[in-house]
Amino acid sequence: MQKSQKLTLGENKINSQSGMQEEKKLYSIDELENEFYGEKETPERDRYEFELSLELLSEKIKEIRKSKNLT
């Protein structure tokens, strides 16, 4: 490993060159969704969740069709 490379361990980032630790904030999926798509029960969040469910459903349909050699 080169001296300038950094390692990420949990919530801490260690700079191997200086040996100092820097705090690194980790976010949950809920926190990220709230920040980028709005809180639950808002129109923007509802639209996001609806589009996400459609995407997941379409991927599942593709998998099933492929497993049955229909595509």
N, C-alpha and C. Protein backbone atom coordinates (compact mmCIF):
# COMPACT_ATOMS: atom_id res chain seq x y z
N MET A 1 0.84 -1.17 0.00
CA MET A 1 0.00 0.00 0.00
C MET A 1 0.89 1.24 0.00
N GLN A 2 0.54 2.24 -0.79
CA GLN A 2 1.30 3.47 -0.84
C GLN A 2 1.01 4.31 0.40
N LYS A 3 1.95 5.17 0.75
CA LYS A 3 1.79 5.99 1.94
C LYS A 3 0.61 6.94 1.85
N SER A 4 0.25 7.41 0.67
CA SER A 4 -0.80 8.40 0.53
C SER A 4 -2.20 7.78 0.48
N GLN A 5 -2.32 6.46 0.41
CA GLN A 5 -3.62 5.82 0.36
C GLN A 5 -4.32 5.95 1.70
N LYS A 6 -5.66 6.01 1.65
CA LYS A 6 -6.46 6.12 2.86
C LYS A 6 -7.30 4.87 3.03
N LEU A 7 -7.48 4.45 4.27
CA LEU A 7 -8.30 3.30 4.60
C LEU A 7 -9.58 3.79 5.26
N THR A 8 -10.69 3.17 4.95
CA THR A 8 -11.94 3.51 5.61
C THR A 8 -12.31 2.37 6.52
N LEU A 9 -12.46 2.67 7.79
CA LEU A 9 -12.82 1.67 8.79
C LEU A 9 -14.03 2.18 9.56
N GLY A 10 -15.20 1.60 9.31
CA GLY A 10 -16.41 2.05 9.99
C GLY A 10 -16.67 3.52 9.73
N GLU A 11 -16.72 4.31 10.81
CA GLU A 11 -16.99 5.73 10.66
C GLU A 11 -15.71 6.56 10.65
N ASN A 12 -14.57 5.95 10.76
CA ASN A 12 -13.32 6.69 10.80
C ASN A 12 -12.54 6.50 9.51
N LYS A 13 -11.87 7.55 9.10
CA LYS A 13 -10.99 7.47 7.94
C LYS A 13 -9.58 7.69 8.48
N ILE A 14 -8.68 6.79 8.16
CA ILE A 14 -7.32 6.88 8.67
C ILE A 14 -6.39 7.24 7.52
N ASN A 15 -5.67 8.30 7.67
CA ASN A 15 -4.67 8.69 6.69
C ASN A 15 -3.40 7.99 7.09
N SER A 16 -2.95 7.02 6.29
CA SER A 16 -1.80 6.21 6.66
C SER A 16 -0.50 7.00 6.65
N GLN A 17 -0.48 8.15 5.99
CA GLN A 17 0.73 8.95 5.93
C GLN A 17 0.94 9.68 7.27
N SER A 18 -0.10 10.31 7.79
CA SER A 18 0.07 11.08 9.01
C SER A 18 -0.41 10.32 10.25
N GLY A 19 -1.19 9.26 10.07
CA GLY A 19 -1.70 8.49 11.19
C GLY A 19 -2.87 9.16 11.90
N MET A 20 -3.33 10.29 11.39
CA MET A 20 -4.45 11.01 12.03
C MET A 20 -5.78 10.46 11.54
N GLN A 21 -6.78 10.53 12.40
CA GLN A 21 -8.12 10.07 12.04
C GLN A 21 -9.00 11.26 11.71
N GLU A 22 -9.82 11.09 10.68
CA GLU A 22 -10.81 12.09 10.30
C GLU A 22 -12.17 11.44 10.40
N GLU A 23 -13.14 12.12 10.99
CA GLU A 23 -14.49 11.58 11.10
C GLU A 23 -15.15 11.56 9.73
N LYS A 24 -15.86 10.49 9.46
CA LYS A 24 -16.59 10.35 8.20
C LYS A 24 -18.03 9.99 8.55
N LYS A 25 -18.97 10.81 8.11
CA LYS A 25 -20.38 10.60 8.41
C LYS A 25 -20.95 9.55 7.48
N LEU A 26 -21.63 8.55 8.03
CA LEU A 26 -22.33 7.55 7.25
C LEU A 26 -23.82 7.85 7.32
N TYR A 27 -24.51 7.67 6.20
CA TYR A 27 -25.95 7.96 6.12
C TYR A 27 -26.72 6.67 5.87
N SER A 28 -27.90 6.60 6.47
CA SER A 28 -28.77 5.47 6.20
C SER A 28 -29.54 5.73 4.91
N ILE A 29 -30.14 4.70 4.36
CA ILE A 29 -30.95 4.84 3.16
C ILE A 29 -32.10 5.81 3.43
N ASP A 30 -32.74 5.70 4.58
CA ASP A 30 -33.85 6.58 4.92
C ASP A 30 -33.42 8.05 4.95
N GLU A 31 -32.25 8.32 5.52
CA GLU A 31 -31.76 9.70 5.56
C GLU A 31 -31.51 10.24 4.16
N LEU A 32 -30.92 9.43 3.30
CA LEU A 32 -30.66 9.87 1.93
C LEU A 32 -31.94 10.08 1.15
N GLU A 33 -32.89 9.15 1.29
CA GLU A 33 -34.18 9.31 0.60
C GLU A 33 -34.89 10.56 1.08
N ASN A 34 -34.88 10.82 2.39
CA ASN A 34 -35.52 12.02 2.92
C ASN A 34 -34.87 13.28 2.36
N GLU A 35 -33.55 13.29 2.26
CA GLU A 35 -32.84 14.47 1.78
C GLU A 35 -33.09 14.72 0.30
N PHE A 36 -33.03 13.65 -0.52
CA PHE A 36 -33.12 13.83 -1.97
C PHE A 36 -34.53 13.74 -2.53
N TYR A 37 -35.44 13.01 -1.86
CA TYR A 37 -36.78 12.81 -2.41
C TYR A 37 -37.87 13.32 -1.49
N GLY A 38 -37.53 13.88 -0.35
CA GLY A 38 -38.51 14.43 0.57
C GLY A 38 -38.94 13.42 1.61
N GLU A 39 -39.61 13.93 2.61
CA GLU A 39 -40.11 13.09 3.70
C GLU A 39 -41.21 12.16 3.19
N LYS A 40 -41.47 11.09 3.94
CA LYS A 40 -42.55 10.18 3.58
C LYS A 40 -43.88 10.92 3.60
N GLU A 41 -44.80 10.46 2.76
CA GLU A 41 -46.14 11.03 2.63
C GLU A 41 -46.17 12.37 1.90
N THR A 42 -45.06 12.77 1.28
CA THR A 42 -45.07 13.97 0.46
C THR A 42 -45.24 13.55 -1.00
N PRO A 43 -45.80 14.41 -1.85
CA PRO A 43 -46.00 14.03 -3.26
C PRO A 43 -44.72 13.60 -3.96
N GLU A 44 -43.61 14.30 -3.69
CA GLU A 44 -42.34 13.95 -4.34
C GLU A 44 -41.88 12.55 -3.92
N ARG A 45 -41.99 12.25 -2.64
CA ARG A 45 -41.55 10.94 -2.13
C ARG A 45 -42.48 9.85 -2.63
N ASP A 46 -43.79 10.11 -2.66
CA ASP A 46 -44.74 9.12 -3.17
C ASP A 46 -44.45 8.80 -4.63
N ARG A 47 -44.14 9.82 -5.43
CA ARG A 47 -43.82 9.62 -6.84
C ARG A 47 -42.55 8.78 -6.97
N TYR A 48 -41.53 9.08 -6.18
CA TYR A 48 -40.28 8.32 -6.19
C TYR A 48 -40.53 6.85 -5.84
N GLU A 49 -41.28 6.60 -4.77
CA GLU A 49 -41.54 5.22 -4.34
C GLU A 49 -42.36 4.47 -5.37
N PHE A 50 -43.31 5.16 -6.02
CA PHE A 50 -44.11 4.52 -7.07
C PHE A 50 -43.23 4.13 -8.25
N GLU A 51 -42.38 5.06 -8.71
CA GLU A 51 -41.49 4.77 -9.83
C GLU A 51 -40.50 3.67 -9.48
N LEU A 52 -40.02 3.66 -8.25
CA LEU A 52 -39.11 2.60 -7.81
C LEU A 52 -39.80 1.24 -7.83
N SER A 53 -41.03 1.19 -7.35
CA SER A 53 -41.76 -0.09 -7.34
C SER A 53 -42.02 -0.58 -8.77
N LEU A 54 -42.31 0.35 -9.70
CA LEU A 54 -42.49 -0.04 -11.10
C LEU A 54 -41.20 -0.61 -11.68
N GLU A 55 -40.08 0.02 -11.36
CA GLU A 55 -38.78 -0.46 -11.84
C GLU A 55 -38.48 -1.85 -11.31
N LEU A 56 -38.71 -2.06 -10.02
CA LEU A 56 -38.46 -3.38 -9.42
C LEU A 56 -39.38 -4.44 -10.02
N LEU A 57 -40.64 -4.09 -10.25
CA LEU A 57 -41.58 -5.02 -10.86
C LEU A 57 -41.16 -5.38 -12.28
N SER A 58 -40.73 -4.39 -13.05
CA SER A 58 -40.32 -4.67 -14.43
C SER A 58 -39.08 -5.57 -14.47
N GLU A 59 -38.14 -5.36 -13.53
CA GLU A 59 -36.96 -6.23 -13.47
C GLU A 59 -37.35 -7.66 -13.10
N LYS A 60 -38.30 -7.81 -12.19
CA LYS A 60 -38.76 -9.15 -11.80
C LYS A 60 -39.44 -9.85 -12.98
N ILE A 61 -40.24 -9.12 -13.73
CA ILE A 61 -40.90 -9.69 -14.91
C ILE A 61 -39.85 -10.13 -15.93
N LYS A 62 -38.81 -9.30 -16.14
CA LYS A 62 -37.74 -9.68 -17.07
C LYS A 62 -37.06 -10.97 -16.63
N GLU A 63 -36.77 -11.09 -15.33
CA GLU A 63 -36.13 -12.30 -14.81
C GLU A 63 -37.00 -13.53 -15.06
N ILE A 64 -38.28 -13.42 -14.80
CA ILE A 64 -39.20 -14.56 -14.97
C ILE A 64 -39.30 -14.94 -16.44
N ARG A 65 -39.44 -13.94 -17.33
CA ARG A 65 -39.52 -14.23 -18.75
C ARG A 65 -38.23 -14.89 -19.25
N LYS A 66 -37.10 -14.42 -18.77
CA LYS A 66 -35.83 -14.99 -19.18
C LYS A 66 -35.69 -16.43 -18.69
N SER A 67 -36.12 -16.68 -17.45
CA SER A 67 -36.01 -18.05 -16.91
C SER A 67 -36.91 -19.03 -17.64
N LYS A 68 -38.00 -18.53 -18.25
CA LYS A 68 -38.92 -19.38 -18.99
C LYS A 68 -38.65 -19.33 -20.50
N ASN A 69 -37.53 -18.72 -20.86
CA ASN A 69 -37.13 -18.59 -22.27
C ASN A 69 -38.20 -17.93 -23.13
N LEU A 70 -38.80 -16.89 -22.60
CA LEU A 70 -39.82 -16.16 -23.35
C LEU A 70 -39.25 -14.91 -24.03
N THR A 71 -38.02 -14.56 -23.70
CA THR A 71 -37.37 -13.41 -24.37
C THR A 71 -36.01 -13.78 -24.85
